[in-house]
Amino acid sequence: KILQWFDIQVWPASLVPGGNVLIVDDVDDTRITLQYCVEQIQKSNPSKIGVAVIHNKRKEKIGTLPENVDYFAGMDVLDHWNCYPWDAETYRRDVLEHEKLARSCTREIEE
């Protein structure tokens, strides 16, 4: 299901043809979403595409990225659920409570 769309007639998407594009996501899990985004952007003929993620889950990926797409990951992580500060409201917690829970989950994984 597509929840967002990409229209090169509208700014900033109008900058894509011939331009450099950086796709940013929080986590590279299955890689399906990143593959889809790259495929959609490629239709607009950018000069270069890069992908940057905060966390790359160390696991076999279902999706693929073309060889000519630069890939940057802030950190490789185990295949566990990641708790991000921007998710706190979703779980009805304040950010400090959410981060405390995330730290305790990390300690459990490391032990």
C-alpha atoms as a PDB file:
ATOM      1  CA  LYS A   1       0.000   0.000   0.000  1.00  0.00           C
ATOM      2  CA  ILE A   2       1.450   3.346  -1.047  1.00  0.00           C
ATOM      3  CA  LEU A   3       0.857   6.073   1.533  1.00  0.00           C
ATOM      4  CA  GLN A   4       2.980   8.772  -0.086  1.00  0.00           C
ATOM      5  CA  TRP A   5       3.719   9.618  -3.659  1.00  0.00           C
ATOM      6  CA  PHE A   6       6.464  11.308  -5.607  1.00  0.00           C
ATOM      7  CA  ASP A   7       5.597  14.011  -8.175  1.00  0.00           C
ATOM      8  CA  ILE A   8       8.474  15.700 -10.051  1.00  0.00           C
ATOM      9  CA  GLN A   9       6.129  18.543 -11.023  1.00  0.00           C
ATOM     10  CA  VAL A  10       6.211  19.760  -7.414  1.00  0.00           C
ATOM     11  CA  TRP A  11       9.163  21.169  -5.445  1.00  0.00           C
ATOM     12  CA  PRO A  12      11.394  19.665  -4.025  1.00  0.00           C
ATOM     13  CA  ALA A  13      10.850  16.608  -6.245  1.00  0.00           C
ATOM     14  CA  SER A  14      11.344  18.867  -9.271  1.00  0.00           C
ATOM     15  CA  LEU A  15      15.037  19.029  -8.300  1.00  0.00           C
ATOM     16  CA  VAL A  16      15.487  15.264  -8.796  1.00  0.00           C
ATOM     17  CA  PRO A  17      15.986  15.012 -12.587  1.00  0.00           C
ATOM     18  CA  GLY A  18      19.736  15.420 -13.074  1.00  0.00           C
ATOM     19  CA  GLY A  19      20.243  16.049  -9.365  1.00  0.00           C
ATOM     20  CA  ASN A  20      21.737  14.134  -6.443  1.00  0.00           C
ATOM     21  CA  VAL A  21      19.275  12.343  -4.161  1.00  0.00           C
ATOM     22  CA  LEU A  22      19.837  11.027  -0.645  1.00  0.00           C
ATOM     23  CA  ILE A  23      17.195   8.670   0.720  1.00  0.00           C
ATOM     24  CA  VAL A  24      17.264   8.585   4.545  1.00  0.00           C
ATOM     25  CA  ASP A  25      15.589   5.994   6.769  1.00  0.00           C
ATOM     26  CA  ASP A  26      15.943   4.971  10.387  1.00  0.00           C
ATOM     27  CA  VAL A  27      16.492   1.242   9.893  1.00  0.00           C
ATOM     28  CA  ASP A  28      17.371  -1.110   7.028  1.00  0.00           C
ATOM     29  CA  ASP A  29      15.459  -4.227   7.987  1.00  0.00           C
ATOM     30  CA  THR A  30      14.277  -6.226   4.964  1.00  0.00           C
ATOM     31  CA  ARG A  31      15.426  -3.556   2.466  1.00  0.00           C
ATOM     32  CA  ILE A  32      12.098  -3.774   0.607  1.00  0.00           C
ATOM     33  CA  THR A  33      11.153  -0.156   1.372  1.00  0.00           C
ATOM     34  CA  LEU A  34      14.576   1.153   0.346  1.00  0.00           C
ATOM     35  CA  GLN A  35      14.456  -0.839  -2.892  1.00  0.00           C
ATOM     36  CA  TYR A  36      11.011   0.586  -3.684  1.00  0.00           C
ATOM     37  CA  CYS A  37      12.138   4.170  -2.979  1.00  0.00           C
ATOM     38  CA  VAL A  38      15.230   3.802  -5.171  1.00  0.00           C
ATOM     39  CA  GLU A  39      13.167   2.325  -8.010  1.00  0.00           C
ATOM     40  CA  GLN A  40      10.700   5.225  -7.852  1.00  0.00           C
ATOM     41  CA  ILE A  41      13.460   7.857  -7.768  1.00  0.00           C
ATOM     42  CA  GLN A  42      15.315   6.195 -10.677  1.00  0.00           C
ATOM     43  CA  LYS A  43      12.293   6.840 -12.916  1.00  0.00           C
ATOM     44  CA  SER A  44      13.085  10.572 -12.656  1.00  0.00           C
ATOM     45  CA  ASN A  45      16.676  10.197 -13.928  1.00  0.00           C
ATOM     46  CA  PRO A  46      18.729  11.621 -11.079  1.00  0.00           C
ATOM     47  CA  SER A  47      22.466  12.021 -11.538  1.00  0.00           C
ATOM     48  CA  LYS A  48      23.223  10.040  -8.369  1.00  0.00           C
ATOM     49  CA  ILE A  49      21.326   8.230  -5.600  1.00  0.00           C
ATOM     50  CA  GLY A  50      22.566   7.519  -2.102  1.00  0.00           C
ATOM     51  CA  VAL A  51      20.887   5.711   0.789  1.00  0.00           C
ATOM     52  CA  ALA A  52      21.648   6.490   4.438  1.00  0.00           C
ATOM     53  CA  VAL A  53      20.241   4.620   7.433  1.00  0.00           C
ATOM     54  CA  ILE A  54      20.838   4.988  11.149  1.00  0.00           C
ATOM     55  CA  HIS A  55      20.828   1.231  11.748  1.00  0.00           C
ATOM     56  CA  ASN A  56      21.400  -1.687   9.409  1.00  0.00           C
ATOM     57  CA  LYS A  57      20.033  -4.924  10.836  1.00  0.00           C
ATOM     58  CA  ARG A  58      22.561  -7.724  10.376  1.00  0.00           C
ATOM     59  CA  LYS A  59      20.444 -10.214   8.528  1.00  0.00           C
ATOM     60  CA  GLU A  60      19.730 -11.480   5.039  1.00  0.00           C
ATOM     61  CA  LYS A  61      17.859  -8.874   3.008  1.00  0.00           C
ATOM     62  CA  ILE A  62      14.888  -9.521   0.759  1.00  0.00           C
ATOM     63  CA  GLY A  63      15.204  -6.289  -1.251  1.00  0.00           C
ATOM     64  CA  THR A  64      18.268  -5.244  -3.234  1.00  0.00           C
ATOM     65  CA  LEU A  65      19.944  -1.984  -4.168  1.00  0.00           C
ATOM     66  CA  PRO A  66      21.674  -1.382  -7.501  1.00  0.00           C
ATOM     67  CA  GLU A  67      25.490  -1.365  -7.518  1.00  0.00           C
ATOM     68  CA  ASN A  68      25.565   2.328  -8.487  1.00  0.00           C
ATOM     69  CA  VAL A  69      23.652   3.420  -5.347  1.00  0.00           C
ATOM     70  CA  ASP A  70      25.926   4.543  -2.501  1.00  0.00           C
ATOM     71  CA  TYR A  71      24.930   3.019   0.850  1.00  0.00           C
ATOM     72  CA  PHE A  72      25.792   4.401   4.283  1.00  0.00           C
ATOM     73  CA  ALA A  73      24.819   2.873   7.646  1.00  0.00           C
ATOM     74  CA  GLY A  74      25.540   4.570  10.947  1.00  0.00           C
ATOM     75  CA  MET A  75      25.766   1.224  12.714  1.00  0.00           C
ATOM     76  CA  ASP A  76      25.164  -2.467  12.096  1.00  0.00           C
ATOM     77  CA  VAL A  77      22.852  -3.906  14.765  1.00  0.00           C
ATOM     78  CA  LEU A  78      21.393  -7.267  15.746  1.00  0.00           C
ATOM     79  CA  ASP A  79      18.007  -8.220  14.350  1.00  0.00           C
ATOM     80  CA  HIS A  80      15.965  -6.930  17.308  1.00  0.00           C
ATOM     81  CA  TRP A  81      13.257  -4.301  17.649  1.00  0.00           C
ATOM     82  CA  ASN A  82      14.778  -0.806  17.800  1.00  0.00           C
ATOM     83  CA  CYS A  83      13.371   1.791  20.198  1.00  0.00           C
ATOM     84  CA  TYR A  84      13.714   5.305  18.757  1.00  0.00           C
ATOM     85  CA  PRO A  85      12.932   8.504  20.692  1.00  0.00           C
ATOM     86  CA  TRP A  86      10.439   9.564  18.007  1.00  0.00           C
ATOM     87  CA  ASP A  87       8.395   6.424  18.788  1.00  0.00           C
ATOM     88  CA  ALA A  88       7.801   7.415  22.426  1.00  0.00           C
ATOM     89  CA  GLU A  89       4.418   9.034  21.846  1.00  0.00           C
ATOM     90  CA  THR A  90       3.205   5.966  19.942  1.00  0.00           C
ATOM     91  CA  TYR A  91       3.793   3.900  23.086  1.00  0.00           C
ATOM     92  CA  ARG A  92       2.300   6.619  25.347  1.00  0.00           C
ATOM     93  CA  ARG A  93       5.595   7.375  27.068  1.00  0.00           C
ATOM     94  CA  ASP A  94       7.618  10.509  27.468  1.00  0.00           C
ATOM     95  CA  VAL A  95      11.013  10.476  25.757  1.00  0.00           C
ATOM     96  CA  LEU A  96      13.033   9.966  28.971  1.00  0.00           C
ATOM     97  CA  GLU A  97      10.897   6.984  30.036  1.00  0.00           C
ATOM     98  CA  HIS A  98      11.154   5.567  26.514  1.00  0.00           C
ATOM     99  CA  GLU A  99      14.957   5.909  26.455  1.00  0.00           C
ATOM    100  CA  LYS A 100      15.237   4.264  29.887  1.00  0.00           C
ATOM    101  CA  LEU A 101      13.232   1.302  28.589  1.00  0.00           C
ATOM    102  CA  ALA A 102      15.392   1.135  25.444  1.00  0.00           C
ATOM    103  CA  ARG A 103      18.577   1.041  27.572  1.00  0.00           C
ATOM    104  CA  SER A 104      17.173  -1.779  29.708  1.00  0.00           C
ATOM    105  CA  CYS A 105      16.274  -3.748  26.560  1.00  0.00           C
ATOM    106  CA  THR A 106      19.831  -3.286  25.283  1.00  0.00           C
ATOM    107  CA  ARG A 107      21.294  -4.611  28.533  1.00  0.00           C
ATOM    108  CA  GLU A 108      19.061  -7.710  28.293  1.00  0.00           C
ATOM    109  CA  ILE A 109      20.306  -8.400  24.751  1.00  0.00           C
ATOM    110  CA  GLU A 110      23.979  -7.950  25.696  1.00  0.00           C
ATOM    111  CA  GLU A 111      23.735 -10.284  28.716  1.00  0.00           C
END
